[in-house]
Amino acid sequence: MRWLTIAAESDVGTRPLAVTADGVPLVVLRPGPGADPVVFADRCPHRLVPLSAATLDNGRLRCAYHGWEFDASGACVELPSQEGRPPPRASLGPGPRVRVADGMVAVAAEDLPAPDPSGLFTNEDPSLRHAWHPVGIAGQVPPTVMLAGREFEVARERTTERWGLLWLAPAEPLTGLFPDPDEDDAFVGAWLPPVRTPASAGVVADNFLDVAHFPFVHAGTFGAAEARLVDRYEVTTEDWGCRSVQEQWFDNPGDPGVAAGRRPVRQRRRATYVYRAPFQLMLRLEELDAGATKTILFFAQPESLTSTRVYTKMLLHGIGGVPDPAPEVVRAEVEFEERVLAEDLALQRRMRLTGLPLRPRDELHVRADLLGVHLRRILGDFRTATPSCPS
């Protein structure tokens, strides 16, 4: 038997530790103080997020993304987004045998788990040449931009303006920009500063459409008040995209009607998600009791294999009980949304995959993932429909 050293025994505690053996990402930890180390593939079977980003609570390993919990044997014992027992595939695959000797922790090479899936939809997928991509806020775009792993001279390429952004399509685009209005006098608009993430644009889009991660990723901003159980919802297919309208309950302490005693803090909202391939997204949140509306336009620029630039614009109406929010209210909303986005980015920086898996068998999809399933299918169809591109 061949043993592969992965860590010093003194470095292994109850905090999950990311290690690698023969190029295979692993996580090692002790299920309790003084317990023998256990090792698993460093990925949750749900969305393949590294379990090295998880936390240990009462001997259970809790995934940082959706709160799935695993015991010391790797069995999934909690799946918060839905009721009932977790399906068998929710459990972690068997970990390799572990040996502790001479102050070092080693694993059996013969027991290493399968490598990460191949065939990922990355930022350098050739099909991305046939789509519109944001390359900067209009009037602030540099002469040369990075897109899908290549540099492009903006002045020589096909471009258009929309939502205050300049869009570029390297080849004849297969899809257009989604038709929702980009200007509305009833709304006050404001940009967040563009940010970069090492996660692929596909993963960024999947994160935006995900409705089950709020209580875990966003516990520091708004997620603590969000329900963990996700109600069933429907998704409507559109041309190279989809849309979902969901009614939810949420806490709205900022509503002036709550302070005046006219409305309870627990209120209803309508959430409308819009997706258009490859990376155009919108979320409109309508507060049905208070009458305010917040729209988040979200666009991703796939720059390279390890870089995605994210553009976020907010459209606000009725925030604070007035049709046109004051500048200080808009500023506060932008700053809050920046904190929300920072929580997503912090987890994305821990991710090890270079793209989004499109094959259903590579992840375990559950009921709450319906929007993400549609995203993967649409991107797969997009890849298939585009003509081959020269390298």
Protein backbone atom coordinates (compact mmCIF):
# COMPACT_ATOMS: atom_id res chain seq x y z
CA MET A 1 0.00 0.00 0.00
CA ARG A 2 1.29 3.45 -0.91
CA TRP A 3 0.80 6.16 1.73
CA LEU A 4 0.71 9.85 0.81
CA THR A 5 1.52 12.41 3.48
CA ILE A 6 -1.03 15.24 3.49
CA ALA A 7 -0.43 17.19 6.72
CA ALA A 8 1.44 17.41 9.98
CA GLU A 9 -0.58 15.85 12.80
CA SER A 10 -0.27 19.06 14.81
CA ASP A 11 -1.93 21.05 12.00
CA VAL A 12 -5.08 18.90 11.98
CA GLY A 13 -7.81 20.07 14.36
CA THR A 14 -11.56 20.61 14.35
CA ARG A 15 -11.24 23.32 11.72
CA PRO A 16 -11.40 21.74 8.23
CA LEU A 17 -8.05 21.90 6.45
CA ALA A 18 -7.66 21.90 2.63
CA VAL A 19 -4.90 19.55 1.43
CA THR A 20 -3.96 17.79 -1.81
CA ALA A 21 -2.78 14.24 -2.53
CA ASP A 22 -1.60 13.27 -6.02
CA GLY A 23 -3.42 16.36 -7.33
CA VAL A 24 -6.74 15.36 -5.71
CA PRO A 25 -8.25 18.08 -3.42
CA LEU A 26 -9.03 16.69 0.04
CA VAL A 27 -10.24 18.01 3.38
CA VAL A 28 -8.92 16.68 6.70
CA LEU A 29 -10.25 17.37 10.19
CA ARG A 30 -10.92 15.86 13.60
CA PRO A 31 -14.68 15.36 14.25
CA GLY A 32 -14.04 16.37 17.87
CA PRO A 33 -11.15 17.46 20.07
CA GLY A 34 -8.63 14.62 20.26
CA ALA A 35 -10.54 12.44 17.77
CA ASP A 36 -8.74 10.59 15.00
CA PRO A 37 -8.48 12.54 11.74
CA VAL A 38 -10.97 11.84 8.92
CA VAL A 39 -10.46 12.71 5.27
CA PHE A 40 -12.96 13.32 2.45
CA ALA A 41 -12.94 14.73 -1.05
CA ASP A 42 -12.91 18.51 -0.66
CA ARG A 43 -16.29 19.06 -2.24
CA CYS A 44 -19.90 18.99 -1.12
CA PRO A 45 -21.88 16.64 -3.40
CA HIS A 46 -24.51 19.34 -3.89
CA ARG A 47 -22.65 22.20 -5.61
CA LEU A 48 -19.06 20.92 -5.25
CA VAL A 49 -18.17 23.81 -2.94
CA PRO A 50 -15.05 22.98 -0.89
CA LEU A 51 -15.84 21.43 2.47
CA SER A 52 -12.62 23.03 3.70
CA ALA A 53 -14.79 26.19 3.88
CA ALA A 54 -17.27 24.37 6.15
CA THR A 55 -17.59 24.63 9.91
CA LEU A 56 -17.75 21.88 12.51
CA ASP A 57 -20.66 22.03 14.96
CA ASN A 58 -21.45 19.25 17.44
CA GLY A 59 -19.42 16.78 15.41
CA ARG A 60 -21.23 17.70 12.19
CA LEU A 61 -19.55 19.28 9.21
CA ARG A 62 -21.79 22.10 7.90
CA CYS A 63 -21.27 23.23 4.28
CA ALA A 64 -20.80 27.00 4.05
CA TYR A 65 -23.01 27.35 0.96
CA HIS A 66 -26.34 25.69 1.76
CA GLY A 67 -25.90 24.35 5.27
CA TRP A 68 -25.90 20.66 4.39
CA GLU A 69 -24.57 18.73 7.40
CA PHE A 70 -22.47 15.54 7.44
CA ASP A 71 -21.48 13.32 10.36
CA ALA A 72 -18.04 11.81 10.95
CA SER A 73 -18.81 8.92 8.59
CA GLY A 74 -19.73 11.32 5.78
CA ALA A 75 -23.47 10.62 5.94
CA CYS A 76 -25.69 13.63 5.17
CA VAL A 77 -27.86 14.16 8.23
CA GLU A 78 -29.40 17.56 7.43
CA LEU A 79 -30.62 19.16 4.18
CA PRO A 80 -32.20 22.46 5.29
CA SER A 81 -33.93 23.53 2.06
CA GLN A 82 -36.43 20.66 2.08
CA GLU A 83 -38.25 18.39 4.50
CA GLY A 84 -37.71 14.67 4.84
CA ARG A 85 -34.61 12.50 4.94
CA PRO A 86 -31.71 13.46 2.67
CA PRO A 87 -31.40 11.24 -0.41
CA PRO A 88 -28.58 8.64 -0.32
CA ARG A 89 -26.52 10.53 -2.90
CA ALA A 90 -26.39 13.51 -0.54
CA SER A 91 -23.79 11.72 1.58
CA LEU A 92 -20.08 12.11 1.01
CA GLY A 93 -18.24 9.36 -0.81
CA PRO A 94 -16.10 7.06 1.33
CA GLY A 95 -12.94 8.78 2.48
CA PRO A 96 -9.52 7.20 2.06
CA ARG A 97 -7.91 5.18 4.83
CA VAL A 98 -5.88 7.37 7.15
CA ARG A 99 -2.63 6.65 8.94
CA VAL A 100 -1.05 8.78 11.67
CA ALA A 101 2.62 8.03 12.26
CA ASP A 102 5.74 9.97 13.22
CA GLY A 103 3.72 13.15 13.64
CA MET A 104 2.32 13.08 10.12
CA VAL A 105 -1.10 12.28 8.63
CA ALA A 106 -1.15 10.18 5.46
CA VAL A 107 -3.82 8.64 3.22
CA ALA A 108 -3.84 5.48 1.14
CA ALA A 109 -3.21 6.35 -2.50
CA GLU A 110 -5.44 3.47 -3.60
CA ASP A 111 -8.42 5.04 -1.83
CA LEU A 112 -8.27 8.51 -3.33
CA PRO A 113 -11.68 9.75 -4.54
CA ALA A 114 -12.40 10.42 -8.18
CA PRO A 115 -11.00 13.73 -9.45
CA ASP A 116 -13.15 16.77 -10.01
CA PRO A 117 -15.50 16.51 -13.00
CA SER A 118 -14.32 17.41 -16.49
CA GLY A 119 -16.31 19.14 -19.20
CA LEU A 120 -16.86 22.26 -17.12
CA PHE A 121 -18.32 25.39 -18.70
CA THR A 122 -15.43 27.79 -18.16
CA ASN A 123 -14.79 31.44 -18.91
CA GLU A 124 -12.82 30.36 -21.99
CA ASP A 125 -15.50 28.17 -23.56
CA PRO A 126 -15.39 28.84 -27.35
CA SER A 127 -19.17 29.31 -27.45
CA LEU A 128 -18.81 32.56 -25.51
CA ARG A 129 -17.49 34.23 -28.66
CA HIS A 130 -21.11 34.17 -29.92
CA ALA A 131 -22.69 36.33 -27.21
CA TRP A 132 -22.91 39.86 -25.90
CA HIS A 133 -20.70 40.57 -22.90
CA PRO A 134 -20.36 43.68 -20.71
CA VAL A 135 -16.86 45.14 -20.93
CA GLY A 136 -17.25 48.28 -18.83
CA ILE A 137 -19.42 51.19 -17.82
CA ALA A 138 -20.08 53.38 -20.86
CA GLY A 139 -17.47 56.11 -21.18
CA GLN A 140 -15.04 54.27 -18.89
CA VAL A 141 -14.01 51.35 -21.10
CA PRO A 142 -10.27 50.96 -21.81
CA PRO A 143 -9.11 50.56 -25.43
CA THR A 144 -8.34 46.87 -24.87
CA VAL A 145 -10.42 44.44 -22.83
CA MET A 146 -10.03 40.82 -21.78
CA LEU A 147 -12.86 38.48 -22.75
CA ALA A 148 -13.06 34.68 -22.85
CA GLY A 149 -9.31 34.37 -22.48
CA ARG A 150 -8.37 36.82 -25.24
CA GLU A 151 -7.68 40.51 -25.61
CA PHE A 152 -9.92 42.58 -27.89
CA GLU A 153 -9.49 46.09 -29.22
CA VAL A 154 -12.84 47.67 -28.49
CA ALA A 155 -12.76 50.07 -31.46
CA ARG A 156 -12.47 47.16 -33.90
CA GLU A 157 -15.25 44.99 -32.48
CA ARG A 158 -19.05 44.81 -32.59
CA THR A 159 -20.42 46.84 -29.66
CA THR A 160 -23.66 48.27 -28.30
CA GLU A 161 -24.78 50.19 -25.21
CA ARG A 162 -27.45 49.07 -22.75
CA TRP A 163 -28.15 49.72 -19.05
CA GLY A 164 -25.26 52.21 -19.03
CA LEU A 165 -22.78 49.50 -20.04
CA LEU A 166 -20.82 48.89 -23.21
CA TRP A 167 -21.38 45.38 -24.58
CA LEU A 168 -19.08 43.53 -26.97
CA ALA A 169 -19.73 40.43 -29.11
CA PRO A 170 -16.59 38.92 -30.70
CA ALA A 171 -18.67 36.92 -33.23
CA GLU A 172 -22.27 37.01 -34.44
CA PRO A 173 -24.26 36.75 -31.20
CA LEU A 174 -26.64 33.85 -30.82
CA THR A 175 -28.65 35.68 -28.17
CA GLY A 176 -29.73 39.26 -27.61
CA LEU A 177 -30.04 41.29 -24.44
CA PHE A 178 -33.13 40.52 -22.41
CA PRO A 179 -36.09 42.82 -23.11
CA ASP A 180 -36.84 44.14 -19.63
CA PRO A 181 -36.75 47.96 -19.63
CA ASP A 182 -33.36 49.53 -19.02
CA GLU A 183 -34.77 52.96 -18.21
CA ASP A 184 -37.76 53.76 -16.05
CA ASP A 185 -38.54 57.24 -14.75
CA ALA A 186 -40.18 55.68 -11.68
CA PHE A 187 -36.84 54.33 -10.46
CA VAL A 188 -33.65 55.88 -9.10
CA GLY A 189 -30.60 54.09 -10.47
CA ALA A 190 -27.20 53.55 -8.86
CA TRP A 191 -24.14 51.45 -9.71
CA LEU A 192 -22.08 49.35 -7.36
CA PRO A 193 -18.34 49.58 -8.12
CA PRO A 194 -17.43 46.70 -10.49
CA VAL A 195 -15.65 43.84 -8.73
CA ARG A 196 -13.66 40.78 -9.76
CA THR A 197 -13.91 37.20 -8.56
CA PRO A 198 -11.76 34.15 -9.38
CA ALA A 199 -14.92 32.07 -9.84
CA SER A 200 -16.19 31.44 -13.37
CA ALA A 201 -19.06 33.52 -14.72
CA GLY A 202 -21.20 30.37 -14.79
CA VAL A 203 -20.69 29.85 -11.06
CA VAL A 204 -21.38 33.56 -10.44
CA ALA A 205 -24.66 33.32 -12.38
CA ASP A 206 -25.65 30.14 -10.55
CA ASN A 207 -24.98 31.89 -7.23
CA PHE A 208 -27.22 34.82 -8.21
CA LEU A 209 -30.10 32.50 -9.15
CA ASP A 210 -29.73 30.35 -6.04
CA VAL A 211 -32.60 30.75 -3.55
CA ALA A 212 -31.37 28.42 -0.78
CA HIS A 213 -28.03 29.93 0.27
CA PHE A 214 -29.32 33.11 1.96
CA PRO A 215 -29.45 31.85 5.60
CA PHE A 216 -25.87 30.58 5.39
CA VAL A 217 -23.80 32.80 3.08
CA HIS A 218 -25.67 36.00 4.03
CA ALA A 219 -26.16 35.46 7.75
CA GLY A 220 -24.21 38.66 8.40
CA THR A 221 -26.50 40.89 6.32
CA PHE A 222 -30.07 39.75 5.66
CA GLY A 223 -29.94 35.95 5.68
CA ALA A 224 -30.54 35.35 9.39
CA ALA A 225 -34.22 36.24 8.93
CA GLU A 226 -34.66 34.14 5.77
CA ALA A 227 -36.49 30.82 5.90
CA ARG A 228 -34.25 27.78 5.43
CA LEU A 229 -37.05 25.72 3.92
CA VAL A 230 -37.58 26.65 0.26
CA ASP A 231 -41.15 26.42 -1.03
CA ARG A 232 -41.79 24.87 -4.41
CA TYR A 233 -41.56 27.35 -7.26
CA GLU A 234 -42.01 27.33 -11.02
CA VAL A 235 -39.63 28.37 -13.79
CA THR A 236 -40.81 29.56 -17.21
CA THR A 237 -38.56 28.99 -20.19
CA GLU A 238 -37.86 31.94 -22.51
CA ASP A 239 -35.67 32.38 -25.59
CA TRP A 240 -32.19 31.38 -24.38
CA GLY A 241 -33.23 32.09 -20.83
CA CYS A 242 -35.81 31.62 -18.11
CA ARG A 243 -37.87 33.49 -15.54
CA SER A 244 -39.25 32.63 -12.13
CA VAL A 245 -41.79 34.55 -10.04
CA GLN A 246 -41.87 33.59 -6.37
CA GLU A 247 -43.82 34.96 -3.41
CA GLN A 248 -41.90 34.90 -0.14
CA TRP A 249 -42.13 36.08 3.45
CA PHE A 250 -39.40 38.35 4.82
CA ASP A 251 -38.67 40.73 7.70
CA ASN A 252 -38.93 44.41 6.71
CA PRO A 253 -37.84 46.46 9.76
CA GLY A 254 -36.93 49.44 7.55
CA ASP A 255 -40.53 49.95 6.38
CA PRO A 256 -41.83 53.24 7.89
CA GLY A 257 -45.21 51.54 8.23
CA VAL A 258 -43.69 49.13 10.74
CA ALA A 259 -42.38 51.97 12.93
CA ALA A 260 -45.80 53.66 12.73
CA GLY A 261 -47.57 50.48 13.76
CA ARG A 262 -49.52 50.20 10.49
CA ARG A 263 -47.88 46.96 9.32
CA PRO A 264 -46.16 43.98 10.97
CA VAL A 265 -42.43 43.48 10.42
CA ARG A 266 -43.09 40.11 8.71
CA GLN A 267 -44.30 40.96 5.22
CA ARG A 268 -44.81 39.55 1.74
CA ARG A 269 -42.65 40.16 -1.30
CA ARG A 270 -42.65 39.04 -4.92
CA ALA A 271 -39.24 38.00 -6.25
CA THR A 272 -38.84 37.84 -10.05
CA TYR A 273 -35.66 36.23 -11.36
CA VAL A 274 -34.74 36.73 -15.04
CA TYR A 275 -31.87 34.96 -16.81
CA ARG A 276 -30.63 35.29 -20.39
CA ALA A 277 -27.63 33.36 -21.74
CA PRO A 278 -24.89 33.49 -21.10
CA PHE A 279 -24.55 35.85 -18.11
CA GLN A 280 -27.35 38.44 -17.98
CA LEU A 281 -29.39 38.39 -14.79
CA MET A 282 -32.01 40.44 -13.01
CA LEU A 283 -33.80 40.20 -9.68
CA ARG A 284 -36.82 42.39 -8.98
CA LEU A 285 -38.05 42.48 -5.36
CA GLU A 286 -41.52 43.95 -4.89
CA GLU A 287 -42.61 44.56 -1.30
CA LEU A 288 -46.29 43.74 -1.62
CA ASP A 289 -47.32 45.26 1.71
CA ALA A 290 -45.03 48.33 1.83
CA GLY A 291 -45.16 49.11 -1.92
CA ALA A 292 -41.40 49.53 -2.44
CA THR A 293 -39.51 47.92 -5.33
CA LYS A 294 -35.83 47.09 -5.63
CA THR A 295 -34.39 45.80 -8.90
CA ILE A 296 -30.88 44.38 -9.15
CA LEU A 297 -29.34 44.13 -12.62
CA PHE A 298 -26.39 41.75 -12.54
CA PHE A 299 -24.00 41.08 -15.41
CA ALA A 300 -20.78 39.04 -15.59
CA GLN A 301 -17.81 39.50 -17.91
CA PRO A 302 -15.86 36.24 -18.34
CA GLU A 303 -12.32 37.61 -18.61
CA SER A 304 -10.11 34.54 -18.21
CA LEU A 305 -10.06 31.10 -16.65
CA THR A 306 -9.56 32.63 -13.21
CA SER A 307 -11.19 36.06 -13.50
CA THR A 308 -14.76 37.30 -13.83
CA ARG A 309 -15.73 40.96 -13.63
CA VAL A 310 -19.15 41.65 -12.11
CA TYR A 311 -21.34 44.70 -12.79
CA THR A 312 -24.30 45.45 -10.52
CA LYS A 313 -26.88 48.21 -10.95
CA MET A 314 -29.75 48.96 -8.58
CA LEU A 315 -33.09 50.54 -9.50
CA LEU A 316 -35.04 51.76 -6.48
CA HIS A 317 -38.62 52.95 -5.98
CA GLY A 318 -40.54 53.66 -2.80
CA ILE A 319 -37.66 52.80 -0.47
CA GLY A 320 -38.28 54.53 2.85
CA GLY A 321 -41.89 55.25 1.95
CA VAL A 322 -41.24 57.89 -0.75
CA PRO A 323 -41.36 57.36 -4.55
CA ASP A 324 -37.87 58.76 -5.19
CA PRO A 325 -35.42 57.77 -2.44
CA ALA A 326 -33.12 60.53 -1.20
CA PRO A 327 -29.39 60.34 -2.06
CA GLU A 328 -28.49 59.16 1.44
CA VAL A 329 -31.06 56.36 1.18
CA VAL A 330 -29.69 55.29 -2.20
CA ARG A 331 -26.16 55.39 -0.81
CA ALA A 332 -27.17 53.20 2.12
CA GLU A 333 -28.85 50.70 -0.22
CA VAL A 334 -25.73 50.51 -2.40
CA GLU A 335 -23.46 50.05 0.62
CA PHE A 336 -25.70 47.29 1.94
CA GLU A 337 -25.71 45.51 -1.43
CA GLU A 338 -21.91 45.77 -1.52
CA ARG A 339 -21.78 43.92 1.80
CA VAL A 340 -24.14 41.26 0.46
CA LEU A 341 -22.00 40.81 -2.65
CA ALA A 342 -18.84 40.65 -0.53
CA GLU A 343 -20.28 37.64 1.30
CA ASP A 344 -20.75 35.81 -2.00
CA LEU A 345 -17.27 36.78 -3.19
CA ALA A 346 -15.67 35.52 0.03
CA LEU A 347 -17.05 32.02 -0.59
CA GLN A 348 -16.25 32.13 -4.31
CA ARG A 349 -12.59 32.76 -3.47
CA ARG A 350 -12.55 29.39 -1.68
CA MET A 351 -13.86 27.46 -4.69
CA ARG A 352 -11.50 25.12 -6.50
CA LEU A 353 -13.37 24.34 -9.73
CA THR A 354 -12.54 26.39 -12.84
CA GLY A 355 -16.05 26.26 -14.27
CA LEU A 356 -19.68 25.23 -13.88
CA PRO A 357 -20.54 21.51 -14.21
CA LEU A 358 -23.22 20.98 -16.85
CA ARG A 359 -23.70 17.21 -16.57
CA PRO A 360 -26.52 16.42 -14.10
CA ARG A 361 -24.64 13.44 -12.62
CA ASP A 362 -21.72 15.62 -11.50
CA GLU A 363 -23.82 17.34 -8.81
CA LEU A 364 -26.80 16.41 -6.67
CA HIS A 365 -29.73 18.63 -7.62
CA VAL A 366 -32.63 19.06 -5.20
CA ARG A 367 -35.98 20.80 -5.47
CA ALA A 368 -34.62 24.23 -4.49
CA ASP A 369 -32.15 24.10 -7.40
CA LEU A 370 -34.71 24.38 -10.21
CA LEU A 371 -33.35 27.72 -11.47
CA GLY A 372 -29.81 26.35 -11.42
CA VAL A 373 -30.90 23.27 -13.36
CA HIS A 374 -32.40 25.52 -16.03
CA LEU A 375 -29.20 27.58 -16.14
CA ARG A 376 -27.12 24.47 -16.79
CA ARG A 377 -29.47 23.20 -19.48
CA ILE A 378 -29.55 26.57 -21.25
CA LEU A 379 -25.76 26.91 -21.20
CA GLY A 380 -25.47 23.35 -22.53
CA ASP A 381 -27.86 24.14 -25.36
CA PHE A 382 -25.99 27.39 -26.00
CA ARG A 383 -22.69 25.55 -26.30
CA THR A 384 -24.22 22.99 -28.68
CA ALA A 385 -25.92 25.59 -30.88
CA THR A 386 -22.91 27.83 -31.49
CA PRO A 387 -20.70 27.16 -34.52
CA SER A 388 -17.14 26.10 -33.83
CA CYS A 389 -14.82 29.02 -33.23
CA PRO A 390 -11.20 29.26 -34.33
CA SER A 391 -8.72 29.11 -31.48
